[in-house]
Amino acid sequence: MAALDLLGRRWTLRVIWELRGNGAPIGFRDLQRRCDGMSSSVLSTRLTELREAGIAASTATAAQPAWQLTALGDDLVTAMGPLLDWSRAWAERR
């Protein structure tokens, strides 16, 4: 239930989606742009929650922190693969 609570929060899945498979960390402002300009306070809250859950981590750079998924976050994206497959099939039927 704790995982569903975390993943069900507004914007959480979008943040994870934007961080997936990029290899290089993404800066806060770039991540905010990728998330259709969600408010900085919401993004900051979601990143903190994901960091505390061990799903995302920040790396300090000279200008600003950058974010990426942890190994646990990568595992989560892999686990969500069947849902992605289902959603593609669903979208084709619409």
PDB file of N, CA and C in Angstrom:
ATOM      1  N   MET A   1       0.826  -1.199   0.000  1.00  0.00           N
ATOM      2  CA  MET A   1       0.000   0.000   0.000  1.00  0.00           C
ATOM      3  C   MET A   1       0.868   1.259   0.000  1.00  0.00           C
ATOM      4  N   ALA A   2       2.014   1.190   0.664  1.00  0.00           N
ATOM      5  CA  ALA A   2       2.892   2.363   0.707  1.00  0.00           C
ATOM      6  C   ALA A   2       3.375   2.730  -0.701  1.00  0.00           C
ATOM      7  N   ALA A   3       3.702   1.721  -1.504  1.00  0.00           N
ATOM      8  CA  ALA A   3       4.156   1.982  -2.873  1.00  0.00           C
ATOM      9  C   ALA A   3       3.032   2.601  -3.695  1.00  0.00           C
ATOM     10  N   LEU A   4       1.821   2.072  -3.552  1.00  0.00           N
ATOM     11  CA  LEU A   4       0.695   2.635  -4.289  1.00  0.00           C
ATOM     12  C   LEU A   4       0.397   4.059  -3.852  1.00  0.00           C
ATOM     13  N   ASP A   5       0.555   4.328  -2.568  1.00  0.00           N
ATOM     14  CA  ASP A   5       0.357   5.686  -2.072  1.00  0.00           C
ATOM     15  C   ASP A   5       1.367   6.635  -2.711  1.00  0.00           C
ATOM     16  N   LEU A   6       2.626   6.236  -2.740  1.00  0.00           N
ATOM     17  CA  LEU A   6       3.661   7.084  -3.331  1.00  0.00           C
ATOM     18  C   LEU A   6       3.435   7.273  -4.823  1.00  0.00           C
ATOM     19  N   LEU A   7       3.216   6.183  -5.541  1.00  0.00           N
ATOM     20  CA  LEU A   7       3.085   6.258  -6.989  1.00  0.00           C
ATOM     21  C   LEU A   7       1.785   6.909  -7.433  1.00  0.00           C
ATOM     22  N   GLY A   8       0.787   6.925  -6.570  1.00  0.00           N
ATOM     23  CA  GLY A   8      -0.496   7.522  -6.902  1.00  0.00           C
ATOM     24  C   GLY A   8      -0.556   9.020  -6.697  1.00  0.00           C
ATOM     25  N   ARG A   9       0.484   9.597  -6.149  1.00  0.00           N
ATOM     26  CA  ARG A   9       0.491  11.052  -5.951  1.00  0.00           C
ATOM     27  C   ARG A   9       0.657  11.754  -7.298  1.00  0.00           C
ATOM     28  N   ARG A  10      -0.035  12.863  -7.411  1.00  0.00           N
ATOM     29  CA  ARG A  10      -0.016  13.613  -8.669  1.00  0.00           C
ATOM     30  C   ARG A  10       1.408  13.926  -9.088  1.00  0.00           C
ATOM     31  N   TRP A  11       1.722  13.671 -10.348  1.00  0.00           N
ATOM     32  CA  TRP A  11       2.991  13.947 -11.002  1.00  0.00           C
ATOM     33  C   TRP A  11       4.093  12.932 -10.702  1.00  0.00           C
ATOM     34  N   THR A  12       3.927  12.050  -9.729  1.00  0.00           N
ATOM     35  CA  THR A  12       5.013  11.145  -9.364  1.00  0.00           C
ATOM     36  C   THR A  12       5.414  10.259 -10.537  1.00  0.00           C
ATOM     37  N   LEU A  13       4.448   9.618 -11.173  1.00  0.00           N
ATOM     38  CA  LEU A  13       4.783   8.747 -12.297  1.00  0.00           C
ATOM     39  C   LEU A  13       5.396   9.532 -13.454  1.00  0.00           C
ATOM     40  N   ARG A  14       4.963  10.751 -13.650  1.00  0.00           N
ATOM     41  CA  ARG A  14       5.537  11.574 -14.729  1.00  0.00           C
ATOM     42  C   ARG A  14       7.004  11.877 -14.447  1.00  0.00           C
ATOM     43  N   VAL A  15       7.326  12.180 -13.204  1.00  0.00           N
ATOM     44  CA  VAL A  15       8.720  12.454 -12.848  1.00  0.00           C
ATOM     45  C   VAL A  15       9.564  11.208 -13.091  1.00  0.00           C
ATOM     46  N   ILE A  16       9.074  10.062 -12.647  1.00  0.00           N
ATOM     47  CA  ILE A  16       9.802   8.812 -12.869  1.00  0.00           C
ATOM     48  C   ILE A  16       9.969   8.563 -14.364  1.00  0.00           C
ATOM     49  N   TRP A  17       8.915   8.788 -15.136  1.00  0.00           N
ATOM     50  CA  TRP A  17       8.961   8.586 -16.580  1.00  0.00           C
ATOM     51  C   TRP A  17      10.044   9.450 -17.216  1.00  0.00           C
ATOM     52  N   GLU A  18      10.127  10.700 -16.814  1.00  0.00           N
ATOM     53  CA  GLU A  18      11.106  11.612 -17.408  1.00  0.00           C
ATOM     54  C   GLU A  18      12.534  11.274 -16.977  1.00  0.00           C
ATOM     55  N   LEU A  19      12.691  10.646 -15.826  1.00  0.00           N
ATOM     56  CA  LEU A  19      14.035  10.279 -15.353  1.00  0.00           C
ATOM     57  C   LEU A  19      14.510   8.940 -15.907  1.00  0.00           C
ATOM     58  N   ARG A  20      13.609   8.153 -16.443  1.00  0.00           N
ATOM     59  CA  ARG A  20      13.957   6.792 -16.849  1.00  0.00           C
ATOM     60  C   ARG A  20      14.937   6.780 -18.018  1.00  0.00           C
ATOM     61  N   GLY A  21      15.846   5.842 -17.971  1.00  0.00           N
ATOM     62  CA  GLY A  21      16.727   5.522 -19.075  1.00  0.00           C
ATOM     63  C   GLY A  21      17.501   6.650 -19.720  1.00  0.00           C
ATOM     64  N   ASN A  22      17.663   7.756 -19.044  1.00  0.00           N
ATOM     65  CA  ASN A  22      18.388   8.867 -19.648  1.00  0.00           C
ATOM     66  C   ASN A  22      19.895   8.755 -19.462  1.00  0.00           C
ATOM     67  N   GLY A  23      20.328   7.919 -18.539  1.00  0.00           N
ATOM     68  CA  GLY A  23      21.755   7.751 -18.301  1.00  0.00           C
ATOM     69  C   GLY A  23      22.359   8.911 -17.529  1.00  0.00           C
ATOM     70  N   ALA A  24      22.293  10.082 -18.084  1.00  0.00           N
ATOM     71  CA  ALA A  24      22.865  11.252 -17.428  1.00  0.00           C
ATOM     72  C   ALA A  24      21.826  11.901 -16.515  1.00  0.00           C
ATOM     73  N   PRO A  25      22.267  12.441 -15.390  1.00  0.00           N
ATOM     74  CA  PRO A  25      21.334  13.150 -14.500  1.00  0.00           C
ATOM     75  C   PRO A  25      20.695  14.349 -15.209  1.00  0.00           C
ATOM     76  N   ILE A  26      19.505  14.705 -14.773  1.00  0.00           N
ATOM     77  CA  ILE A  26      18.748  15.808 -15.362  1.00  0.00           C
ATOM     78  C   ILE A  26      18.632  16.924 -14.321  1.00  0.00           C
ATOM     79  N   GLY A  27      18.946  18.128 -14.722  1.00  0.00           N
ATOM     80  CA  GLY A  27      18.826  19.275 -13.837  1.00  0.00           C
ATOM     81  C   GLY A  27      17.372  19.580 -13.500  1.00  0.00           C
ATOM     82  N   PHE A  28      17.169  20.267 -12.398  1.00  0.00           N
ATOM     83  CA  PHE A  28      15.831  20.565 -11.903  1.00  0.00           C
ATOM     84  C   PHE A  28      15.010  21.313 -12.944  1.00  0.00           C
ATOM     85  N   ARG A  29      15.555  22.367 -13.518  1.00  0.00           N
ATOM     86  CA  ARG A  29      14.781  23.179 -14.465  1.00  0.00           C
ATOM     87  C   ARG A  29      14.461  22.407 -15.737  1.00  0.00           C
ATOM     88  N   ASP A  30      15.405  21.603 -16.205  1.00  0.00           N
ATOM     89  CA  ASP A  30      15.146  20.797 -17.395  1.00  0.00           C
ATOM     90  C   ASP A  30      14.060  19.767 -17.087  1.00  0.00           C
ATOM     91  N   LEU A  31      14.128  19.165 -15.919  1.00  0.00           N
ATOM     92  CA  LEU A  31      13.104  18.202 -15.519  1.00  0.00           C
ATOM     93  C   LEU A  31      11.745  18.882 -15.420  1.00  0.00           C
ATOM     94  N   GLN A  32      11.719  20.083 -14.888  1.00  0.00           N
ATOM     95  CA  GLN A  32      10.465  20.826 -14.785  1.00  0.00           C
ATOM     96  C   GLN A  32       9.887  21.103 -16.170  1.00  0.00           C
ATOM     97  N   ARG A  33      10.717  21.468 -17.134  1.00  0.00           N
ATOM     98  CA  ARG A  33      10.250  21.695 -18.512  1.00  0.00           C
ATOM     99  C   ARG A  33       9.710  20.400 -19.118  1.00  0.00           C
ATOM    100  N   ARG A  34      10.402  19.294 -18.877  1.00  0.00           N
ATOM    101  CA  ARG A  34       9.957  18.009 -19.411  1.00  0.00           C
ATOM    102  C   ARG A  34       8.615  17.580 -18.820  1.00  0.00           C
ATOM    103  N   CYS A  35       8.333  18.068 -17.638  1.00  0.00           N
ATOM    104  CA  CYS A  35       7.066  17.739 -16.959  1.00  0.00           C
ATOM    105  C   CYS A  35       6.032  18.816 -17.220  1.00  0.00           C
ATOM    106  N   ASP A  36       6.078  19.407 -18.388  1.00  0.00           N
ATOM    107  CA  ASP A  36       5.108  20.423 -18.807  1.00  0.00           C
ATOM    108  C   ASP A  36       5.021  21.588 -17.839  1.00  0.00           C
ATOM    109  N   GLY A  37       6.140  21.962 -17.271  1.00  0.00           N
ATOM    110  CA  GLY A  37       6.178  23.146 -16.428  1.00  0.00           C
ATOM    111  C   GLY A  37       5.428  23.035 -15.115  1.00  0.00           C
ATOM    112  N   MET A  38       5.392  21.841 -14.517  1.00  0.00           N
ATOM    113  CA  MET A  38       4.746  21.727 -13.203  1.00  0.00           C
ATOM    114  C   MET A  38       5.408  22.705 -12.243  1.00  0.00           C
ATOM    115  N   SER A  39       4.708  23.094 -11.214  1.00  0.00           N
ATOM    116  CA  SER A  39       5.254  24.081 -10.292  1.00  0.00           C
ATOM    117  C   SER A  39       6.520  23.550  -9.625  1.00  0.00           C
ATOM    118  N   SER A  40       7.424  24.465  -9.342  1.00  0.00           N
ATOM    119  CA  SER A  40       8.691  24.068  -8.725  1.00  0.00           C
ATOM    120  C   SER A  40       8.475  23.474  -7.339  1.00  0.00           C
ATOM    121  N   SER A  41       7.466  23.945  -6.617  1.00  0.00           N
ATOM    122  CA  SER A  41       7.228  23.403  -5.274  1.00  0.00           C
ATOM    123  C   SER A  41       6.742  21.959  -5.338  1.00  0.00           C
ATOM    124  N   VAL A  42       5.877  21.645  -6.296  1.00  0.00           N
ATOM    125  CA  VAL A  42       5.402  20.269  -6.442  1.00  0.00           C
ATOM    126  C   VAL A  42       6.543  19.365  -6.889  1.00  0.00           C
ATOM    127  N   LEU A  43       7.324  19.816  -7.860  1.00  0.00           N
ATOM    128  CA  LEU A  43       8.448  19.014  -8.322  1.00  0.00           C
ATOM    129  C   LEU A  43       9.436  18.766  -7.193  1.00  0.00           C
ATOM    130  N   SER A  44       9.734  19.785  -6.436  1.00  0.00           N
ATOM    131  CA  SER A  44      10.652  19.629  -5.310  1.00  0.00           C
ATOM    132  C   SER A  44      10.126  18.616  -4.298  1.00  0.00           C
ATOM    133  N   THR A  45       8.838  18.686  -4.014  1.00  0.00           N
ATOM    134  CA  THR A  45       8.221  17.737  -3.080  1.00  0.00           C
ATOM    135  C   THR A  45       8.300  16.322  -3.620  1.00  0.00           C
ATOM    136  N   ARG A  46       7.967  16.133  -4.899  1.00  0.00           N
ATOM    137  CA  ARG A  46       7.995  14.790  -5.481  1.00  0.00           C
ATOM    138  C   ARG A  46       9.409  14.233  -5.504  1.00  0.00           C
ATOM    139  N   LEU A  47      10.380  15.057  -5.839  1.00  0.00           N
ATOM    140  CA  LEU A  47      11.762  14.581  -5.852  1.00  0.00           C
ATOM    141  C   LEU A  47      12.227  14.201  -4.452  1.00  0.00           C
ATOM    142  N   THR A  48      11.845  14.974  -3.466  1.00  0.00           N
ATOM    143  CA  THR A  48      12.193  14.637  -2.090  1.00  0.00           C
ATOM    144  C   THR A  48      11.575  13.308  -1.689  1.00  0.00           C
ATOM    145  N   GLU A  49      10.317  13.108  -2.041  1.00  0.00           N
ATOM    146  CA  GLU A  49       9.636  11.839  -1.719  1.00  0.00           C
ATOM    147  C   GLU A  49      10.308  10.664  -2.420  1.00  0.00           C
ATOM    148  N   LEU A  50      10.666  10.850  -3.679  1.00  0.00           N
ATOM    149  CA  LEU A  50      11.326   9.776  -4.417  1.00  0.00           C
ATOM    150  C   LEU A  50      12.724   9.503  -3.870  1.00  0.00           C
ATOM    151  N   ARG A  51      13.411  10.542  -3.443  1.00  0.00           N
ATOM    152  CA  ARG A  51      14.726  10.353  -2.825  1.00  0.00           C
ATOM    153  C   ARG A  51      14.597   9.589  -1.516  1.00  0.00           C
ATOM    154  N   GLU A  52      13.638   9.977  -0.689  1.00  0.00           N
ATOM    155  CA  GLU A  52      13.431   9.305   0.593  1.00  0.00           C
ATOM    156  C   GLU A  52      13.018   7.849   0.411  1.00  0.00           C
ATOM    157  N   ALA A  53      12.342   7.538  -0.686  1.00  0.00           N
ATOM    158  CA  ALA A  53      11.926   6.165  -0.978  1.00  0.00           C
ATOM    159  C   ALA A  53      13.044   5.356  -1.631  1.00  0.00           C
ATOM    160  N   GLY A  54      14.149   6.007  -1.974  1.00  0.00           N
ATOM    161  CA  GLY A  54      15.265   5.318  -2.596  1.00  0.00           C
ATOM    162  C   GLY A  54      15.107   5.116  -4.090  1.00  0.00           C
ATOM    163  N   ILE A  55      14.173   5.825  -4.704  1.00  0.00           N
ATOM    164  CA  ILE A  55      13.885   5.656  -6.130  1.00  0.00           C
ATOM    165  C   ILE A  55      14.683   6.630  -6.991  1.00  0.00           C
ATOM    166  N   ALA A  56      14.976   7.803  -6.481  1.00  0.00           N
ATOM    167  CA  ALA A  56      15.752   8.806  -7.211  1.00  0.00           C
ATOM    168  C   ALA A  56      16.852   9.334  -6.296  1.00  0.00           C
ATOM    169  N   ALA A  57      17.873   9.871  -6.938  1.00  0.00           N
ATOM    170  CA  ALA A  57      18.989  10.451  -6.182  1.00  0.00           C
ATOM    171  C   ALA A  57      19.439  11.721  -6.884  1.00  0.00           C
ATOM    172  N   SER A  58      19.974  12.624  -6.102  1.00  0.00           N
ATOM    173  CA  SER A  58      20.500  13.856  -6.682  1.00  0.00           C
ATOM    174  C   SER A  58      22.021  13.814  -6.642  1.00  0.00           C
ATOM    175  N   THR A  59      22.601  14.449  -7.633  1.00  0.00           N
ATOM    176  CA  THR A  59      24.044  14.602  -7.683  1.00  0.00           C
ATOM    177  C   THR A  59      24.317  16.088  -7.756  1.00  0.00           C
ATOM    178  N   ALA A  60      25.236  16.542  -6.951  1.00  0.00           N
ATOM    179  CA  ALA A  60      25.538  17.971  -6.914  1.00  0.00           C
ATOM    180  C   ALA A  60      26.416  18.345  -8.103  1.00  0.00           C
ATOM    181  N   THR A  61      26.046  19.425  -8.740  1.00  0.00           N
ATOM    182  CA  THR A  61      26.877  20.016  -9.787  1.00  0.00           C
ATOM    183  C   THR A  61      27.211  21.424  -9.335  1.00  0.00           C
ATOM    184  N   ALA A  62      28.031  22.091 -10.087  1.00  0.00           N
ATOM    185  CA  ALA A  62      28.428  23.446  -9.710  1.00  0.00           C
ATOM    186  C   ALA A  62      27.233  24.388  -9.678  1.00  0.00           C
ATOM    187  N   ALA A  63      26.322  24.226 -10.629  1.00  0.00           N
ATOM    188  CA  ALA A  63      25.202  25.160 -10.740  1.00  0.00           C
ATOM    189  C   ALA A  63      23.992  24.736  -9.925  1.00  0.00           C
ATOM    190  N   GLN A  64      23.633  23.461  -9.996  1.00  0.00           N
ATOM    191  CA  GLN A  64      22.410  23.001  -9.343  1.00  0.00           C
ATOM    192  C   GLN A  64      22.445  21.484  -9.230  1.00  0.00           C
ATOM    193  N   PRO A  65      21.636  20.925  -8.356  1.00  0.00           N
ATOM    194  CA  PRO A  65      21.581  19.459  -8.297  1.00  0.00           C
ATOM    195  C   PRO A  65      20.929  18.900  -9.553  1.00  0.00           C
ATOM    196  N   ALA A  66      21.326  17.699  -9.899  1.00  0.00           N
ATOM    197  CA  ALA A  66      20.724  16.994 -11.015  1.00  0.00           C
ATOM    198  C   ALA A  66      20.188  15.676 -10.480  1.00  0.00           C
ATOM    199  N   TRP A  67      19.214  15.120 -11.151  1.00  0.00           N
ATOM    200  CA  TRP A  67      18.486  13.959 -10.648  1.00  0.00           C
ATOM    201  C   TRP A  67      18.558  12.793 -11.611  1.00  0.00           C
ATOM    202  N   GLN A  68      18.548  11.602 -11.040  1.00  0.00           N
ATOM    203  CA  GLN A  68      18.487  10.384 -11.833  1.00  0.00           C
ATOM    204  C   GLN A  68      17.866   9.284 -10.985  1.00  0.00           C
ATOM    205  N   LEU A  69      17.426   8.237 -11.647  1.00  0.00           N
ATOM    206  CA  LEU A  69      16.874   7.101 -10.931  1.00  0.00           C
ATOM    207  C   LEU A  69      18.004   6.281 -10.317  1.00  0.00           C
ATOM    208  N   THR A  70      17.725   5.688  -9.189  1.00  0.00           N
ATOM    209  CA  THR A  70      18.654   4.749  -8.569  1.00  0.00           C
ATOM    210  C   THR A  70      18.433   3.375  -9.200  1.00  0.00           C
ATOM    211  N   ALA A  71      19.195   2.398  -8.755  1.00  0.00           N
ATOM    212  CA  ALA A  71      18.977   1.031  -9.232  1.00  0.00           C
ATOM    213  C   ALA A  71      17.565   0.573  -8.880  1.00  0.00           C
ATOM    214  N   LEU A  72      17.091   0.953  -7.705  1.00  0.00           N
ATOM    215  CA  LEU A  72      15.730   0.611  -7.305  1.00  0.00           C
ATOM    216  C   LEU A  72      14.705   1.287  -8.220  1.00  0.00           C
ATOM    217  N   GLY A  73      14.987   2.524  -8.598  1.00  0.00           N
ATOM    218  CA  GLY A  73      14.109   3.229  -9.538  1.00  0.00           C
ATOM    219  C   GLY A  73      14.101   2.570 -10.904  1.00  0.00           C
ATOM    220  N   ASP A  74      15.269   2.124 -11.358  1.00  0.00           N
ATOM    221  CA  ASP A  74      15.329   1.393 -12.628  1.00  0.00           C
ATOM    222  C   ASP A  74      14.520   0.102 -12.544  1.00  0.00           C
ATOM    223  N   ASP A  75      14.603  -0.584 -11.397  1.00  0.00           N
ATOM    224  CA  ASP A  75      13.804  -1.800 -11.198  1.00  0.00           C
ATOM    225  C   ASP A  75      12.312  -1.492 -11.270  1.00  0.00           C
ATOM    226  N   LEU A  76      11.913  -0.351 -10.721  1.00  0.00           N
ATOM    227  CA  LEU A  76      10.514   0.053 -10.765  1.00  0.00           C
ATOM    228  C   LEU A  76      10.062   0.268 -12.204  1.00  0.00           C
ATOM    229  N   VAL A  77      10.881   0.931 -12.999  1.00  0.00           N
ATOM    230  CA  VAL A  77      10.539   1.161 -14.404  1.00  0.00           C
ATOM    231  C   VAL A  77      10.399  -0.172 -15.130  1.00  0.00           C
ATOM    232  N   THR A  78      11.300  -1.104 -14.852  1.00  0.00           N
ATOM    233  CA  THR A  78      11.205  -2.430 -15.456  1.00  0.00           C
ATOM    234  C   THR A  78       9.906  -3.122 -15.037  1.00  0.00           C
ATOM    235  N   ALA A  79       9.558  -3.018 -13.757  1.00  0.00           N
ATOM    236  CA  ALA A  79       8.334  -3.641 -13.255  1.00  0.00           C
ATOM    237  C   ALA A  79       7.094  -3.021 -13.884  1.00  0.00           C
ATOM    238  N   MET A  80       7.175  -1.770 -14.297  1.00  0.00           N
ATOM    239  CA  MET A  80       6.041  -1.095 -14.915  1.00  0.00           C
ATOM    240  C   MET A  80       5.912  -1.421 -16.401  1.00  0.00           C
ATOM    241  N   GLY A  81       6.859  -2.191 -16.954  1.00  0.00           N
ATOM    242  CA  GLY A  81       6.842  -2.547 -18.365  1.00  0.00           C
ATOM    243  C   GLY A  81       5.534  -3.162 -18.831  1.00  0.00           C
ATOM    244  N   PRO A  82       4.986  -4.162 -18.118  1.00  0.00           N
ATOM    245  CA  PRO A  82       3.706  -4.733 -18.556  1.00  0.00           C
ATOM    246  C   PRO A  82       2.567  -3.709 -18.589  1.00  0.00           C
ATOM    247  N   LEU A  83       2.568  -2.770 -17.679  1.00  0.00           N
ATOM    248  CA  LEU A  83       1.551  -1.718 -17.696  1.00  0.00           C
ATOM    249  C   LEU A  83       1.714  -0.838 -18.932  1.00  0.00           C
ATOM    250  N   LEU A  84       2.948  -0.554 -19.303  1.00  0.00           N
ATOM    251  CA  LEU A  84       3.202   0.221 -20.517  1.00  0.00           C
ATOM    252  C   LEU A  84       2.704  -0.543 -21.743  1.00  0.00           C
ATOM    253  N   ASP A  85       2.986  -1.847 -21.792  1.00  0.00           N
ATOM    254  CA  ASP A  85       2.495  -2.670 -22.903  1.00  0.00           C
ATOM    255  C   ASP A  85       0.973  -2.629 -22.977  1.00  0.00           C
ATOM    256  N   TRP A  86       0.326  -2.778 -21.835  1.00  0.00           N
ATOM    257  CA  TRP A  86      -1.133  -2.747 -21.794  1.00  0.00           C
ATOM    258  C   TRP A  86      -1.652  -1.389 -22.266  1.00  0.00           C
ATOM    259  N   SER A  87      -1.017  -0.314 -21.810  1.00  0.00           N
ATOM    260  CA  SER A  87      -1.514   1.018 -22.164  1.00  0.00           C
ATOM    261  C   SER A  87      -1.373   1.286 -23.655  1.00  0.00           C
ATOM    262  N   ARG A  88      -0.320   0.750 -24.268  1.00  0.00           N
ATOM    263  CA  ARG A  88      -0.169   0.908 -25.721  1.00  0.00           C
ATOM    264  C   ARG A  88      -1.277   0.172 -26.463  1.00  0.00           C
ATOM    265  N   ALA A  89      -1.587  -1.057 -26.030  1.00  0.00           N
ATOM    266  CA  ALA A  89      -2.659  -1.815 -26.656  1.00  0.00           C
ATOM    267  C   ALA A  89      -3.998  -1.113 -26.465  1.00  0.00           C
ATOM    268  N   TRP A  90      -4.217  -0.575 -25.291  1.00  0.00           N
ATOM    269  CA  TRP A  90      -5.445   0.149 -25.000  1.00  0.00           C
ATOM    270  C   TRP A  90      -5.581   1.386 -25.887  1.00  0.00           C
ATOM    271  N   ALA A  91      -4.474   2.105 -26.045  1.00  0.00           N
ATOM    272  CA  ALA A  91      -4.501   3.326 -26.864  1.00  0.00           C
ATOM    273  C   ALA A  91      -4.820   3.003 -28.323  1.00  0.00           C
ATOM    274  N   GLU A  92      -4.347   1.871 -28.812  1.00  0.00           N
ATOM    275  CA  GLU A  92      -4.615   1.496 -30.197  1.00  0.00           C
ATOM    276  C   GLU A  92      -6.085   1.152 -30.422  1.00  0.00           C
ATOM    277  N   ARG A  93      -6.773   0.714 -29.395  1.00  0.00           N
ATOM    278  CA  ARG A  93      -8.180   0.342 -29.514  1.00  0.00           C
ATOM    279  C   ARG A  93      -9.114   1.541 -29.414  1.00  0.00           C
ATOM    280  N   ARG A  94      -8.613   2.633 -28.994  1.00  0.00           N
ATOM    281  CA  ARG A  94      -9.463   3.807 -28.796  1.00  0.00           C
ATOM    282  C   ARG A  94      -9.696   4.544 -30.067  1.00  0.00           C
TER     283      ARG A  94
END
